[in-house]
Amino acid sequence: MNYEIGDIVKLKKPHPCGSQEWEILRVGMDFRLKCLGCGHQVMVSRKLVEKNTRGLRKANGENK
């Protein structure tokens, strides 16, 4: 998948706040993700994000 800043990813497991959707703030070897439920930010390795992605919504509205 092609990840870009501003995209929304739906991950396999929910955040403790209940949300499964995260906004991508930084892309590289590590991703900085922001929870859309509570606003918490985390750094996660690219490998882990790619493994746990269940859906990707592009910043321009296109779904994949």
PDB file of N, CA and C in Angstrom:
ATOM      1  N   MET A   1       0.832  -1.188   0.000  1.00  0.00           N
ATOM      2  CA  MET A   1       0.000   0.000   0.000  1.00  0.00           C
ATOM      3  C   MET A   1       0.875   1.250   0.000  1.00  0.00           C
ATOM      4  N   ASN A   2       0.329   2.305  -0.529  1.00  0.00           N
ATOM      5  CA  ASN A   2       1.037   3.577  -0.578  1.00  0.00           C
ATOM      6  C   ASN A   2       0.464   4.504   0.492  1.00  0.00           C
ATOM      7  N   TYR A   3       1.211   4.712   1.559  1.00  0.00           N
ATOM      8  CA  TYR A   3       0.773   5.554   2.665  1.00  0.00           C
ATOM      9  C   TYR A   3       1.272   6.977   2.456  1.00  0.00           C
ATOM     10  N   GLU A   4       0.401   7.954   2.725  1.00  0.00           N
ATOM     11  CA  GLU A   4       0.774   9.363   2.599  1.00  0.00           C
ATOM     12  C   GLU A   4       0.285  10.126   3.818  1.00  0.00           C
ATOM     13  N   ILE A   5       0.920  11.259   4.078  1.00  0.00           N
ATOM     14  CA  ILE A   5       0.514  12.106   5.200  1.00  0.00           C
ATOM     15  C   ILE A   5      -0.924  12.558   4.992  1.00  0.00           C
ATOM     16  N   GLY A   6      -1.721  12.476   6.046  1.00  0.00           N
ATOM     17  CA  GLY A   6      -3.126  12.884   5.983  1.00  0.00           C
ATOM     18  C   GLY A   6      -4.085  11.730   5.757  1.00  0.00           C
ATOM     19  N   ASP A   7      -3.574  10.564   5.313  1.00  0.00           N
ATOM     20  CA  ASP A   7      -4.425   9.392   5.115  1.00  0.00           C
ATOM     21  C   ASP A   7      -4.934   8.883   6.462  1.00  0.00           C
ATOM     22  N   ILE A   8      -6.071   8.191   6.430  1.00  0.00           N
ATOM     23  CA  ILE A   8      -6.653   7.591   7.623  1.00  0.00           C
ATOM     24  C   ILE A   8      -6.527   6.078   7.479  1.00  0.00           C
ATOM     25  N   VAL A   9      -5.883   5.433   8.479  1.00  0.00           N
ATOM     26  CA  VAL A   9      -5.767   3.974   8.455  1.00  0.00           C
ATOM     27  C   VAL A   9      -6.650   3.386   9.543  1.00  0.00           C
ATOM     28  N   LYS A  10      -7.275   2.262   9.220  1.00  0.00           N
ATOM     29  CA  LYS A  10      -8.055   1.521  10.203  1.00  0.00           C
ATOM     30  C   LYS A  10      -7.197   0.321  10.598  1.00  0.00           C
ATOM     31  N   LEU A  11      -6.863   0.223  11.879  1.00  0.00           N
ATOM     32  CA  LEU A  11      -5.997  -0.844  12.353  1.00  0.00           C
ATOM     33  C   LEU A  11      -6.797  -1.994  12.949  1.00  0.00           C
ATOM     34  N   LYS A  12      -6.137  -3.132  13.076  1.00  0.00           N
ATOM     35  CA  LYS A  12      -6.742  -4.374  13.532  1.00  0.00           C
ATOM     36  C   LYS A  12      -7.332  -4.259  14.934  1.00  0.00           C
ATOM     37  N   LYS A  13      -6.551  -3.752  15.870  1.00  0.00           N
ATOM     38  CA  LYS A  13      -6.997  -3.664  17.261  1.00  0.00           C
ATOM     39  C   LYS A  13      -7.377  -2.223  17.593  1.00  0.00           C
ATOM     40  N   PRO A  14      -8.433  -2.032  18.379  1.00  0.00           N
ATOM     41  CA  PRO A  14      -8.815  -0.669  18.751  1.00  0.00           C
ATOM     42  C   PRO A  14      -7.897  -0.077  19.819  1.00  0.00           C
ATOM     43  N   HIS A  15      -7.802   1.235  19.825  1.00  0.00           N
ATOM     44  CA  HIS A  15      -7.106   1.982  20.871  1.00  0.00           C
ATOM     45  C   HIS A  15      -7.963   1.866  22.141  1.00  0.00           C
ATOM     46  N   PRO A  16      -7.401   1.984  23.323  1.00  0.00           N
ATOM     47  CA  PRO A  16      -8.204   1.894  24.546  1.00  0.00           C
ATOM     48  C   PRO A  16      -9.399   2.855  24.594  1.00  0.00           C
ATOM     49  N   CYS A  17      -9.359   3.952  23.838  1.00  0.00           N
ATOM     50  CA  CYS A  17     -10.497   4.881  23.806  1.00  0.00           C
ATOM     51  C   CYS A  17     -11.649   4.318  22.966  1.00  0.00           C
ATOM     52  N   GLY A  18     -11.388   3.255  22.192  1.00  0.00           N
ATOM     53  CA  GLY A  18     -12.426   2.614  21.395  1.00  0.00           C
ATOM     54  C   GLY A  18     -12.312   2.847  19.897  1.00  0.00           C
ATOM     55  N   SER A  19     -11.513   3.819  19.475  1.00  0.00           N
ATOM     56  CA  SER A  19     -11.373   4.138  18.053  1.00  0.00           C
ATOM     57  C   SER A  19     -10.371   3.198  17.379  1.00  0.00           C
ATOM     58  N   GLN A  20     -10.652   2.822  16.122  1.00  0.00           N
ATOM     59  CA  GLN A  20      -9.722   2.010  15.340  1.00  0.00           C
ATOM     60  C   GLN A  20      -9.079   2.818  14.226  1.00  0.00           C
ATOM     61  N   GLU A  21      -9.445   4.090  14.085  1.00  0.00           N
ATOM     62  CA  GLU A  21      -8.943   4.912  12.986  1.00  0.00           C
ATOM     63  C   GLU A  21      -7.877   5.877  13.467  1.00  0.00           C
ATOM     64  N   TRP A  22      -6.823   5.978  12.653  1.00  0.00           N
ATOM     65  CA  TRP A  22      -5.663   6.816  12.968  1.00  0.00           C
ATOM     66  C   TRP A  22      -5.307   7.656  11.765  1.00  0.00           C
ATOM     67  N   GLU A  23      -4.918   8.903  11.987  1.00  0.00           N
ATOM     68  CA  GLU A  23      -4.438   9.784  10.931  1.00  0.00           C
ATOM     69  C   GLU A  23      -2.920   9.691  10.874  1.00  0.00           C
ATOM     70  N   ILE A  24      -2.361   9.607   9.665  1.00  0.00           N
ATOM     71  CA  ILE A  24      -0.915   9.541   9.495  1.00  0.00           C
ATOM     72  C   ILE A  24      -0.353  10.960   9.509  1.00  0.00           C
ATOM     73  N   LEU A  25       0.565  11.223  10.445  1.00  0.00           N
ATOM     74  CA  LEU A  25       1.195  12.538  10.555  1.00  0.00           C
ATOM     75  C   LEU A  25       2.618  12.534  10.018  1.00  0.00           C
ATOM     76  N   ARG A  26       3.272  11.368   9.988  1.00  0.00           N
ATOM     77  CA  ARG A  26       4.655  11.252   9.511  1.00  0.00           C
ATOM     78  C   ARG A  26       4.826   9.888   8.872  1.00  0.00           C
ATOM     79  N   VAL A  27       5.532   9.843   7.750  1.00  0.00           N
ATOM     80  CA  VAL A  27       5.779   8.591   7.032  1.00  0.00           C
ATOM     81  C   VAL A  27       7.276   8.403   6.873  1.00  0.00           C
ATOM     82  N   GLY A  28       7.754   7.198   7.044  1.00  0.00           N
ATOM     83  CA  GLY A  28       9.165   6.858   6.896  1.00  0.00           C
ATOM     84  C   GLY A  28       9.365   5.450   7.414  1.00  0.00           C
ATOM     85  N   MET A  29      10.507   5.190   8.031  1.00  0.00           N
ATOM     86  CA  MET A  29      10.735   3.885   8.659  1.00  0.00           C
ATOM     87  C   MET A  29       9.779   3.705   9.836  1.00  0.00           C
ATOM     88  N   ASP A  30       9.425   4.820  10.472  1.00  0.00           N
ATOM     89  CA  ASP A  30       8.422   4.833  11.528  1.00  0.00           C
ATOM     90  C   ASP A  30       7.291   5.745  11.094  1.00  0.00           C
ATOM     91  N   PHE A  31       6.101   5.455  11.569  1.00  0.00           N
ATOM     92  CA  PHE A  31       4.945   6.302  11.299  1.00  0.00           C
ATOM     93  C   PHE A  31       4.569   7.006  12.592  1.00  0.00           C
ATOM     94  N   ARG A  32       4.185   8.286  12.501  1.00  0.00           N
ATOM     95  CA  ARG A  32       3.556   8.960  13.643  1.00  0.00           C
ATOM     96  C   ARG A  32       2.068   8.946  13.340  1.00  0.00           C
ATOM     97  N   LEU A  33       1.297   8.332  14.247  1.00  0.00           N
ATOM     98  CA  LEU A  33      -0.142   8.216  14.076  1.00  0.00           C
ATOM     99  C   LEU A  33      -0.857   8.997  15.161  1.00  0.00           C
ATOM    100  N   LYS A  34      -1.993   9.588  14.790  1.00  0.00           N
ATOM    101  CA  LYS A  34      -2.827  10.318  15.753  1.00  0.00           C
ATOM    102  C   LYS A  34      -4.182   9.635  15.803  1.00  0.00           C
ATOM    103  N   CYS A  35      -4.593   9.222  17.007  1.00  0.00           N
ATOM    104  CA  CYS A  35      -5.887   8.579  17.196  1.00  0.00           C
ATOM    105  C   CYS A  35      -6.991   9.582  16.902  1.00  0.00           C
ATOM    106  N   LEU A  36      -7.974   9.160  16.094  1.00  0.00           N
ATOM    107  CA  LEU A  36      -9.071  10.061  15.768  1.00  0.00           C
ATOM    108  C   LEU A  36     -10.113  10.108  16.876  1.00  0.00           C
ATOM    109  N   GLY A  37     -10.013   9.209  17.851  1.00  0.00           N
ATOM    110  CA  GLY A  37     -10.957   9.212  18.967  1.00  0.00           C
ATOM    111  C   GLY A  37     -10.555  10.189  20.052  1.00  0.00           C
ATOM    112  N   CYS A  38      -9.293  10.112  20.503  1.00  0.00           N
ATOM    113  CA  CYS A  38      -8.865  10.917  21.653  1.00  0.00           C
ATOM    114  C   CYS A  38      -7.717  11.870  21.348  1.00  0.00           C
ATOM    115  N   GLY A  39      -7.094  11.763  20.169  1.00  0.00           N
ATOM    116  CA  GLY A  39      -6.017  12.673  19.795  1.00  0.00           C
ATOM    117  C   GLY A  39      -4.634  12.235  20.243  1.00  0.00           C
ATOM    118  N   HIS A  40      -4.520  11.071  20.896  1.00  0.00           N
ATOM    119  CA  HIS A  40      -3.219  10.565  21.361  1.00  0.00           C
ATOM    120  C   HIS A  40      -2.325  10.272  20.152  1.00  0.00           C
ATOM    121  N   GLN A  41      -1.036  10.629  20.244  1.00  0.00           N
ATOM    122  CA  GLN A  41      -0.094  10.379  19.158  1.00  0.00           C
ATOM    123  C   GLN A  41       0.920   9.320  19.561  1.00  0.00           C
ATOM    124  N   VAL A  42       1.238   8.422  18.631  1.00  0.00           N
ATOM    125  CA  VAL A  42       2.212   7.363  18.873  1.00  0.00           C
ATOM    126  C   VAL A  42       3.128   7.222  17.667  1.00  0.00           C
ATOM    127  N   MET A  43       4.339   6.724  17.912  1.00  0.00           N
ATOM    128  CA  MET A  43       5.268   6.354  16.838  1.00  0.00           C
ATOM    129  C   MET A  43       5.232   4.837  16.725  1.00  0.00           C
ATOM    130  N   VAL A  44       5.024   4.337  15.512  1.00  0.00           N
ATOM    131  CA  VAL A  44       4.917   2.903  15.265  1.00  0.00           C
ATOM    132  C   VAL A  44       5.777   2.560  14.059  1.00  0.00           C
ATOM    133  N   SER A  45       6.436   1.407  14.089  1.00  0.00           N
ATOM    134  CA  SER A  45       7.274   1.006  12.963  1.00  0.00           C
ATOM    135  C   SER A  45       6.416   0.740  11.721  1.00  0.00           C
ATOM    136  N   ARG A  46       6.998   0.974  10.557  1.00  0.00           N
ATOM    137  CA  ARG A  46       6.296   0.757   9.287  1.00  0.00           C
ATOM    138  C   ARG A  46       5.812  -0.692   9.176  1.00  0.00           C
ATOM    139  N   LYS A  47       6.661  -1.626   9.583  1.00  0.00           N
ATOM    140  CA  LYS A  47       6.327  -3.042   9.488  1.00  0.00           C
ATOM    141  C   LYS A  47       5.061  -3.367  10.276  1.00  0.00           C
ATOM    142  N   LEU A  48       4.948  -2.819  11.478  1.00  0.00           N
ATOM    143  CA  LEU A  48       3.784  -3.077  12.328  1.00  0.00           C
ATOM    144  C   LEU A  48       2.522  -2.454  11.740  1.00  0.00           C
ATOM    145  N   VAL A  49       2.627  -1.257  11.192  1.00  0.00           N
ATOM    146  CA  VAL A  49       1.461  -0.612  10.578  1.00  0.00           C
ATOM    147  C   VAL A  49       1.001  -1.411   9.364  1.00  0.00           C
ATOM    148  N   GLU A  50       1.942  -1.813   8.510  1.00  0.00           N
ATOM    149  CA  GLU A  50       1.573  -2.572   7.312  1.00  0.00           C
ATOM    150  C   GLU A  50       0.921  -3.901   7.681  1.00  0.00           C
ATOM    151  N   LYS A  51       1.402  -4.535   8.726  1.00  0.00           N
ATOM    152  CA  LYS A  51       0.865  -5.827   9.157  1.00  0.00           C
ATOM    153  C   LYS A  51      -0.555  -5.696   9.715  1.00  0.00           C
ATOM    154  N   ASN A  52      -0.831  -4.599  10.435  1.00  0.00           N
ATOM    155  CA  ASN A  52      -2.104  -4.461  11.144  1.00  0.00           C
ATOM    156  C   ASN A  52      -3.136  -3.584  10.449  1.00  0.00           C
ATOM    157  N   THR A  53      -2.853  -3.093   9.253  1.00  0.00           N
ATOM    158  CA  THR A  53      -3.807  -2.254   8.528  1.00  0.00           C
ATOM    159  C   THR A  53      -4.962  -3.090   8.003  1.00  0.00           C
ATOM    160  N   ARG A  54      -6.181  -2.621   8.289  1.00  0.00           N
ATOM    161  CA  ARG A  54      -7.388  -3.293   7.795  1.00  0.00           C
ATOM    162  C   ARG A  54      -8.122  -2.446   6.760  1.00  0.00           C
ATOM    163  N   GLY A  55      -7.732  -1.184   6.652  1.00  0.00           N
ATOM    164  CA  GLY A  55      -8.354  -0.304   5.667  1.00  0.00           C
ATOM    165  C   GLY A  55      -7.554   0.977   5.552  1.00  0.00           C
ATOM    166  N   LEU A  56      -7.638   1.621   4.390  1.00  0.00           N
ATOM    167  CA  LEU A  56      -6.913   2.868   4.154  1.00  0.00           C
ATOM    168  C   LEU A  56      -7.846   3.827   3.430  1.00  0.00           C
ATOM    169  N   ARG A  57      -8.039   5.005   4.015  1.00  0.00           N
ATOM    170  CA  ARG A  57      -8.864   6.048   3.406  1.00  0.00           C
ATOM    171  C   ARG A  57      -7.932   7.184   3.045  1.00  0.00           C
ATOM    172  N   LYS A  58      -7.829   7.480   1.765  1.00  0.00           N
ATOM    173  CA  LYS A  58      -6.917   8.516   1.285  1.00  0.00           C
ATOM    174  C   LYS A  58      -7.385   9.889   1.720  1.00  0.00           C
ATOM    175  N   ALA A  59      -6.436  10.823   1.829  1.00  0.00           N
ATOM    176  CA  ALA A  59      -6.729  12.187   2.264  1.00  0.00           C
ATOM    177  C   ALA A  59      -7.702  12.884   1.317  1.00  0.00           C
ATOM    178  N   ASN A  60      -7.676  12.512   0.041  1.00  0.00           N
ATOM    179  CA  ASN A  60      -8.560  13.154  -0.942  1.00  0.00           C
ATOM    180  C   ASN A  60      -9.945  12.487  -1.021  1.00  0.00           C
ATOM    181  N   GLY A  61     -10.216  11.507  -0.156  1.00  0.00           N
ATOM    182  CA  GLY A  61     -11.539  10.873  -0.125  1.00  0.00           C
ATOM    183  C   GLY A  61     -11.610   9.527  -0.815  1.00  0.00           C
ATOM    184  N   GLU A  62     -10.566   9.127  -1.519  1.00  0.00           N
ATOM    185  CA  GLU A  62     -10.555   7.845  -2.208  1.00  0.00           C
ATOM    186  C   GLU A  62     -10.346   6.711  -1.200  1.00  0.00           C
ATOM    187  N   ASN A  63     -11.154   5.630  -1.286  1.00  0.00           N
ATOM    188  CA  ASN A  63     -11.011   4.473  -0.374  1.00  0.00           C
ATOM    189  C   ASN A  63     -10.245   3.355  -1.016  1.00  0.00           C
ATOM    190  N   LYS A  64      -9.502   2.613  -0.190  1.00  0.00           N
ATOM    191  CA  LYS A  64      -8.788   1.416  -0.684  1.00  0.00           C
ATOM    192  C   LYS A  64      -8.935   0.315   0.325  1.00  0.00           C
TER     193      LYS A  64
END
